[in-house]
Amino acid sequence: MTTTTTHAEPEREVKPAVLRGLKERCPNCAEGKLFSGYLKVRDRCPECGEELHHHRADDGPAYVTILIVGHVMAFILHATFGYLRDDPLMLALLLCTIATVLSLLMLPRIKGMIVGYQWAKEMHGFGRPRG
């Protein structure tokens, strides 16, 4: 009879990893920066060396950002329409500015959250090496 011993490593916690991604930090150590540019995820964490190139965020962050910004904009339109309905150009400029700023601020944070979630769930190659 052969007995195999497996070393059970602790499961990665999702909430801290997602919050670290929200702060644009490495989901493993929370020290290294997650992005090398606006949306370019680093291949490795500069602090702990965790490989980050496995992520497959693709279009997910854009869809989530559009969903959230769309709902916020609907509320803002509802709240400001009564005040600015006589000046449609001002209303359009206000809404476009708010939508653009919100989108630009949210997109990297949403992407960081998705990368953190993928890391915590060991998706797309983020799993530990088998050996």
N, C-alpha and C. Protein backbone atom coordinates (compact mmCIF):
# COMPACT_ATOMS: atom_id res chain seq x y z
N MET A 1 0.84 -1.17 0.00
CA MET A 1 0.00 0.00 0.00
C MET A 1 0.90 1.24 0.00
N THR A 2 0.64 2.14 -0.92
CA THR A 2 1.44 3.35 -1.05
C THR A 2 0.69 4.52 -0.44
N THR A 3 1.37 5.26 0.38
CA THR A 3 0.77 6.43 0.99
C THR A 3 1.47 7.66 0.44
N THR A 4 0.68 8.57 -0.07
CA THR A 4 1.26 9.83 -0.56
C THR A 4 0.91 10.93 0.41
N THR A 5 1.89 11.73 0.68
CA THR A 5 1.70 12.84 1.60
C THR A 5 1.59 14.11 0.77
N THR A 6 0.54 14.83 0.98
CA THR A 6 0.40 16.11 0.29
C THR A 6 0.49 17.22 1.31
N HIS A 7 1.21 18.23 0.94
CA HIS A 7 1.34 19.39 1.82
C HIS A 7 0.26 20.38 1.45
N ALA A 8 -0.75 20.44 2.28
CA ALA A 8 -1.86 21.35 2.01
C ALA A 8 -1.44 22.77 2.36
N GLU A 9 -1.37 23.59 1.34
CA GLU A 9 -1.04 24.98 1.57
C GLU A 9 -2.32 25.74 1.87
N PRO A 10 -2.24 26.77 2.68
CA PRO A 10 -3.46 27.50 3.02
C PRO A 10 -4.09 28.13 1.78
N GLU A 11 -5.40 28.15 1.80
CA GLU A 11 -6.15 28.75 0.69
C GLU A 11 -5.94 30.26 0.70
N ARG A 12 -5.81 30.82 -0.49
CA ARG A 12 -5.64 32.26 -0.59
C ARG A 12 -6.97 32.95 -0.30
N GLU A 13 -6.94 33.97 0.51
CA GLU A 13 -8.16 34.68 0.86
C GLU A 13 -8.54 35.66 -0.24
N VAL A 14 -9.81 35.68 -0.59
CA VAL A 14 -10.28 36.49 -1.70
C VAL A 14 -10.38 37.97 -1.32
N LYS A 15 -10.98 38.25 -0.17
CA LYS A 15 -11.23 39.65 0.20
C LYS A 15 -9.95 40.48 0.27
N PRO A 16 -8.90 40.03 0.98
CA PRO A 16 -7.68 40.85 1.01
C PRO A 16 -7.05 41.02 -0.38
N ALA A 17 -7.10 39.97 -1.19
CA ALA A 17 -6.51 40.06 -2.53
C ALA A 17 -7.26 41.06 -3.40
N VAL A 18 -8.58 41.05 -3.31
CA VAL A 18 -9.39 41.99 -4.10
C VAL A 18 -9.17 43.42 -3.60
N LEU A 19 -9.09 43.61 -2.30
CA LEU A 19 -8.84 44.95 -1.75
C LEU A 19 -7.46 45.46 -2.13
N ARG A 20 -6.47 44.57 -2.16
CA ARG A 20 -5.14 44.97 -2.60
C ARG A 20 -5.16 45.37 -4.07
N GLY A 21 -5.91 44.64 -4.88
CA GLY A 21 -6.06 45.01 -6.29
C GLY A 21 -6.75 46.34 -6.45
N LEU A 22 -7.74 46.62 -5.60
CA LEU A 22 -8.43 47.91 -5.62
C LEU A 22 -7.45 49.05 -5.34
N LYS A 23 -6.48 48.79 -4.50
CA LYS A 23 -5.46 49.79 -4.17
C LYS A 23 -4.31 49.79 -5.18
N GLU A 24 -4.44 48.97 -6.23
CA GLU A 24 -3.44 48.84 -7.29
C GLU A 24 -2.11 48.33 -6.75
N ARG A 25 -2.20 47.37 -5.85
CA ARG A 25 -1.02 46.75 -5.24
C ARG A 25 -1.00 45.25 -5.55
N CYS A 26 0.14 44.65 -5.36
CA CYS A 26 0.30 43.21 -5.58
C CYS A 26 -0.68 42.44 -4.69
N PRO A 27 -1.41 41.46 -5.24
CA PRO A 27 -2.36 40.71 -4.41
C PRO A 27 -1.69 39.80 -3.39
N ASN A 28 -0.40 39.52 -3.59
CA ASN A 28 0.31 38.64 -2.67
C ASN A 28 0.87 39.39 -1.47
N CYS A 29 1.63 40.47 -1.72
CA CYS A 29 2.34 41.14 -0.63
C CYS A 29 1.77 42.52 -0.27
N ALA A 30 0.98 43.09 -1.12
CA ALA A 30 0.38 44.42 -0.92
C ALA A 30 1.41 45.54 -0.89
N GLU A 31 2.63 45.26 -1.26
CA GLU A 31 3.68 46.27 -1.23
C GLU A 31 4.02 46.78 -2.64
N GLY A 32 4.21 45.87 -3.57
CA GLY A 32 4.62 46.24 -4.92
C GLY A 32 3.47 46.79 -5.74
N LYS A 33 3.79 47.68 -6.68
CA LYS A 33 2.77 48.23 -7.56
C LYS A 33 2.33 47.17 -8.57
N LEU A 34 1.03 47.10 -8.81
CA LEU A 34 0.48 46.12 -9.72
C LEU A 34 0.69 46.52 -11.18
N PHE A 35 0.63 47.81 -11.48
CA PHE A 35 0.69 48.29 -12.86
C PHE A 35 2.01 48.99 -13.14
N SER A 36 2.51 48.79 -14.36
CA SER A 36 3.69 49.53 -14.80
C SER A 36 3.29 50.74 -15.62
N GLY A 37 2.05 50.80 -16.04
CA GLY A 37 1.48 51.93 -16.77
C GLY A 37 0.07 52.15 -16.28
N TYR A 38 -0.75 52.74 -17.15
CA TYR A 38 -2.13 53.00 -16.74
C TYR A 38 -2.90 51.71 -16.51
N LEU A 39 -2.80 50.76 -17.46
CA LEU A 39 -3.49 49.49 -17.33
C LEU A 39 -2.57 48.28 -17.56
N LYS A 40 -1.29 48.47 -17.73
CA LYS A 40 -0.35 47.39 -18.02
C LYS A 40 0.07 46.73 -16.71
N VAL A 41 -0.34 45.46 -16.55
CA VAL A 41 0.02 44.72 -15.34
C VAL A 41 1.48 44.27 -15.47
N ARG A 42 2.24 44.43 -14.41
CA ARG A 42 3.64 44.01 -14.40
C ARG A 42 3.73 42.49 -14.56
N ASP A 43 4.83 42.02 -15.13
CA ASP A 43 5.04 40.58 -15.24
C ASP A 43 5.32 39.95 -13.88
N ARG A 44 6.04 40.67 -13.03
CA ARG A 44 6.37 40.20 -11.68
C ARG A 44 6.24 41.36 -10.70
N CYS A 45 5.91 41.04 -9.48
CA CYS A 45 5.88 42.06 -8.43
C CYS A 45 7.32 42.48 -8.12
N PRO A 46 7.60 43.78 -8.09
CA PRO A 46 8.96 44.22 -7.80
C PRO A 46 9.39 43.97 -6.36
N GLU A 47 8.46 43.73 -5.47
CA GLU A 47 8.79 43.52 -4.05
C GLU A 47 8.95 42.04 -3.70
N CYS A 48 7.94 41.22 -4.02
CA CYS A 48 7.97 39.82 -3.59
C CYS A 48 8.30 38.85 -4.72
N GLY A 49 8.28 39.31 -5.96
CA GLY A 49 8.61 38.44 -7.09
C GLY A 49 7.47 37.58 -7.59
N GLU A 50 6.26 37.75 -7.06
CA GLU A 50 5.10 36.97 -7.51
C GLU A 50 4.85 37.23 -8.99
N GLU A 51 4.67 36.16 -9.75
CA GLU A 51 4.39 36.29 -11.17
C GLU A 51 2.95 36.78 -11.36
N LEU A 52 2.79 37.84 -12.10
CA LEU A 52 1.48 38.44 -12.32
C LEU A 52 1.04 38.37 -13.78
N HIS A 53 1.90 37.85 -14.64
CA HIS A 53 1.59 37.85 -16.06
C HIS A 53 0.50 36.86 -16.45
N HIS A 54 0.05 36.04 -15.51
CA HIS A 54 -0.97 35.03 -15.81
C HIS A 54 -2.38 35.60 -15.96
N HIS A 55 -2.58 36.83 -15.54
CA HIS A 55 -3.94 37.36 -15.49
C HIS A 55 -4.61 37.34 -16.87
N ARG A 56 -5.93 37.20 -16.84
CA ARG A 56 -6.74 37.25 -18.05
C ARG A 56 -7.92 38.18 -17.79
N ALA A 57 -7.61 39.44 -17.52
CA ALA A 57 -8.68 40.40 -17.23
C ALA A 57 -9.42 40.78 -18.51
N ASP A 58 -8.70 40.92 -19.62
CA ASP A 58 -9.26 41.22 -20.93
C ASP A 58 -10.30 42.34 -20.87
N ASP A 59 -11.54 42.05 -21.28
CA ASP A 59 -12.58 43.08 -21.35
C ASP A 59 -13.42 43.19 -20.08
N GLY A 60 -13.20 42.31 -19.13
CA GLY A 60 -13.99 42.32 -17.90
C GLY A 60 -14.00 43.65 -17.17
N PRO A 61 -12.84 44.28 -16.94
CA PRO A 61 -12.84 45.56 -16.25
C PRO A 61 -13.63 46.65 -16.99
N ALA A 62 -13.56 46.66 -18.30
CA ALA A 62 -14.31 47.66 -19.07
C ALA A 62 -15.81 47.44 -18.91
N TYR A 63 -16.26 46.20 -18.96
CA TYR A 63 -17.68 45.92 -18.81
C TYR A 63 -18.19 46.32 -17.43
N VAL A 64 -17.44 45.97 -16.39
CA VAL A 64 -17.85 46.31 -15.03
C VAL A 64 -17.85 47.83 -14.83
N THR A 65 -16.83 48.50 -15.39
CA THR A 65 -16.77 49.96 -15.29
C THR A 65 -17.97 50.60 -15.97
N ILE A 66 -18.30 50.14 -17.17
CA ILE A 66 -19.46 50.68 -17.89
C ILE A 66 -20.74 50.44 -17.10
N LEU A 67 -20.86 49.27 -16.52
CA LEU A 67 -22.06 48.96 -15.73
C LEU A 67 -22.21 49.92 -14.55
N ILE A 68 -21.12 50.13 -13.81
CA ILE A 68 -21.18 51.00 -12.64
C ILE A 68 -21.37 52.47 -13.04
N VAL A 69 -20.58 52.94 -14.01
CA VAL A 69 -20.68 54.34 -14.44
C VAL A 69 -22.07 54.61 -15.03
N GLY A 70 -22.61 53.67 -15.77
CA GLY A 70 -23.95 53.85 -16.33
C GLY A 70 -25.00 54.05 -15.25
N HIS A 71 -24.91 53.27 -14.18
CA HIS A 71 -25.88 53.42 -13.10
C HIS A 71 -25.70 54.74 -12.35
N VAL A 72 -24.45 55.12 -12.14
CA VAL A 72 -24.18 56.40 -11.47
C VAL A 72 -24.68 57.56 -12.33
N MET A 73 -24.43 57.47 -13.63
CA MET A 73 -24.85 58.54 -14.54
C MET A 73 -26.38 58.65 -14.61
N ALA A 74 -27.06 57.53 -14.55
CA ALA A 74 -28.53 57.57 -14.55
C ALA A 74 -29.03 58.34 -13.33
N PHE A 75 -28.43 58.10 -12.18
CA PHE A 75 -28.80 58.82 -10.96
C PHE A 75 -28.49 60.31 -11.10
N ILE A 76 -27.30 60.64 -11.62
CA ILE A 76 -26.91 62.05 -11.77
C ILE A 76 -27.82 62.74 -12.78
N LEU A 77 -28.17 62.07 -13.86
CA LEU A 77 -29.09 62.66 -14.84
C LEU A 77 -30.44 62.93 -14.20
N HIS A 78 -30.91 61.99 -13.44
CA HIS A 78 -32.20 62.16 -12.77
C HIS A 78 -32.15 63.33 -11.78
N ALA A 79 -31.02 63.47 -11.08
CA ALA A 79 -30.89 64.52 -10.07
C ALA A 79 -30.70 65.91 -10.67
N THR A 80 -30.03 65.99 -11.83
CA THR A 80 -29.70 67.32 -12.40
C THR A 80 -30.62 67.76 -13.53
N PHE A 81 -31.44 66.89 -14.04
CA PHE A 81 -32.26 67.25 -15.19
C PHE A 81 -33.20 68.43 -14.88
N GLY A 82 -33.77 68.43 -13.71
CA GLY A 82 -34.69 69.51 -13.34
C GLY A 82 -34.01 70.87 -13.30
N TYR A 83 -32.75 70.90 -12.90
CA TYR A 83 -32.02 72.16 -12.81
C TYR A 83 -31.48 72.64 -14.16
N LEU A 84 -31.11 71.71 -15.01
CA LEU A 84 -30.42 72.07 -16.25
C LEU A 84 -31.21 71.77 -17.52
N ARG A 85 -32.50 71.51 -17.43
CA ARG A 85 -33.24 71.15 -18.63
C ARG A 85 -33.38 72.33 -19.60
N ASP A 86 -33.27 73.55 -19.12
CA ASP A 86 -33.34 74.71 -20.01
C ASP A 86 -32.01 74.97 -20.72
N ASP A 87 -30.96 74.32 -20.27
CA ASP A 87 -29.64 74.50 -20.87
C ASP A 87 -29.07 73.11 -21.22
N PRO A 88 -29.52 72.50 -22.33
CA PRO A 88 -29.11 71.13 -22.65
C PRO A 88 -27.61 70.98 -22.93
N LEU A 89 -26.97 72.03 -23.45
CA LEU A 89 -25.53 71.95 -23.70
C LEU A 89 -24.77 71.81 -22.38
N MET A 90 -25.16 72.58 -21.39
CA MET A 90 -24.50 72.49 -20.08
C MET A 90 -24.74 71.11 -19.46
N LEU A 91 -25.95 70.59 -19.59
CA LEU A 91 -26.26 69.26 -19.07
C LEU A 91 -25.39 68.21 -19.76
N ALA A 92 -25.28 68.28 -21.08
CA ALA A 92 -24.47 67.31 -21.82
C ALA A 92 -23.00 67.41 -21.44
N LEU A 93 -22.48 68.62 -21.32
CA LEU A 93 -21.08 68.79 -20.94
C LEU A 93 -20.81 68.27 -19.53
N LEU A 94 -21.72 68.54 -18.62
CA LEU A 94 -21.57 68.06 -17.26
C LEU A 94 -21.58 66.53 -17.21
N LEU A 95 -22.54 65.92 -17.88
CA LEU A 95 -22.65 64.46 -17.86
C LEU A 95 -21.45 63.80 -18.54
N CYS A 96 -21.00 64.34 -19.66
CA CYS A 96 -19.84 63.78 -20.36
C CYS A 96 -18.57 63.89 -19.52
N THR A 97 -18.41 65.01 -18.86
CA THR A 97 -17.23 65.19 -18.01
C THR A 97 -17.24 64.22 -16.84
N ILE A 98 -18.36 64.11 -16.19
CA ILE A 98 -18.46 63.19 -15.04
C ILE A 98 -18.24 61.75 -15.48
N ALA A 99 -18.84 61.35 -16.60
CA ALA A 99 -18.70 59.97 -17.09
C ALA A 99 -17.25 59.67 -17.46
N THR A 100 -16.58 60.63 -18.09
CA THR A 100 -15.19 60.42 -18.49
C THR A 100 -14.28 60.30 -17.27
N VAL A 101 -14.43 61.21 -16.32
CA VAL A 101 -13.58 61.19 -15.13
C VAL A 101 -13.82 59.92 -14.31
N LEU A 102 -15.09 59.57 -14.12
CA LEU A 102 -15.40 58.35 -13.38
C LEU A 102 -14.80 57.12 -14.05
N SER A 103 -14.93 57.03 -15.35
CA SER A 103 -14.41 55.87 -16.09
C SER A 103 -12.89 55.78 -15.96
N LEU A 104 -12.22 56.90 -16.13
CA LEU A 104 -10.76 56.89 -16.05
C LEU A 104 -10.26 56.56 -14.64
N LEU A 105 -10.98 56.98 -13.63
CA LEU A 105 -10.59 56.67 -12.25
C LEU A 105 -10.89 55.22 -11.87
N MET A 106 -11.99 54.70 -12.36
CA MET A 106 -12.43 53.37 -11.94
C MET A 106 -11.75 52.23 -12.70
N LEU A 107 -11.42 52.43 -13.96
CA LEU A 107 -10.94 51.33 -14.79
C LEU A 107 -9.72 50.61 -14.22
N PRO A 108 -8.64 51.30 -13.82
CA PRO A 108 -7.50 50.55 -13.27
C PRO A 108 -7.82 49.87 -11.94
N ARG A 109 -8.68 50.46 -11.15
CA ARG A 109 -9.03 49.85 -9.86
C ARG A 109 -9.87 48.58 -10.06
N ILE A 110 -10.80 48.64 -11.00
CA ILE A 110 -11.60 47.45 -11.32
C ILE A 110 -10.70 46.36 -11.88
N LYS A 111 -9.76 46.73 -12.75
CA LYS A 111 -8.84 45.72 -13.30
C LYS A 111 -8.00 45.12 -12.18
N GLY A 112 -7.53 45.94 -11.25
CA GLY A 112 -6.77 45.43 -10.11
C GLY A 112 -7.59 44.46 -9.28
N MET A 113 -8.86 44.76 -9.08
CA MET A 113 -9.74 43.87 -8.33
C MET A 113 -9.90 42.52 -9.04
N ILE A 114 -10.04 42.55 -10.35
CA ILE A 114 -10.21 41.31 -11.11
C ILE A 114 -8.93 40.49 -11.08
N VAL A 115 -7.78 41.14 -11.23
CA VAL A 115 -6.50 40.43 -11.14
C VAL A 115 -6.33 39.83 -9.74
N GLY A 116 -6.68 40.58 -8.71
CA GLY A 116 -6.62 40.07 -7.34
C GLY A 116 -7.52 38.87 -7.13
N TYR A 117 -8.71 38.91 -7.69
CA TYR A 117 -9.64 37.78 -7.58
C TYR A 117 -9.09 36.55 -8.29
N GLN A 118 -8.56 36.76 -9.49
CA GLN A 118 -7.98 35.64 -10.23
C GLN A 118 -6.80 35.03 -9.48
N TRP A 119 -5.98 35.88 -8.86
CA TRP A 119 -4.85 35.39 -8.09
C TRP A 119 -5.34 34.57 -6.89
N ALA A 120 -6.33 35.07 -6.17
CA ALA A 120 -6.83 34.39 -4.98
C ALA A 120 -7.46 33.04 -5.32
N LYS A 121 -8.14 32.97 -6.44
CA LYS A 121 -8.80 31.73 -6.85
C LYS A 121 -7.90 30.82 -7.67
N GLU A 122 -6.63 31.24 -7.84
CA GLU A 122 -5.63 30.49 -8.59
C GLU A 122 -6.10 30.16 -10.00
N MET A 123 -6.65 31.15 -10.64
CA MET A 123 -7.15 30.99 -12.01
C MET A 123 -6.06 31.32 -13.03
N HIS A 124 -6.16 30.71 -14.20
CA HIS A 124 -5.34 31.05 -15.37
C HIS A 124 -3.83 30.99 -15.11
N GLY A 125 -3.37 29.97 -14.39
CA GLY A 125 -1.93 29.83 -14.16
C GLY A 125 -1.42 30.46 -12.89
N PHE A 126 -2.28 31.10 -12.11
CA PHE A 126 -1.84 31.69 -10.85
C PHE A 126 -1.63 30.63 -9.77
N GLY A 127 -1.96 29.39 -10.06
CA GLY A 127 -1.83 28.33 -9.06
C GLY A 127 -0.38 28.09 -8.70
N ARG A 128 -0.20 27.39 -7.61
CA ARG A 128 1.16 27.08 -7.16
C ARG A 128 1.76 26.02 -8.07
N PRO A 129 3.08 26.02 -8.21
CA PRO A 129 3.72 25.03 -9.08
C PRO A 129 3.50 23.62 -8.54
N ARG A 130 3.23 22.70 -9.45
CA ARG A 130 3.03 21.29 -9.07
C ARG A 130 4.39 20.60 -9.10
N GLY A 131 4.65 19.79 -8.12
CA GLY A 131 5.96 19.15 -8.17
C GLY A 131 6.16 18.07 -7.23
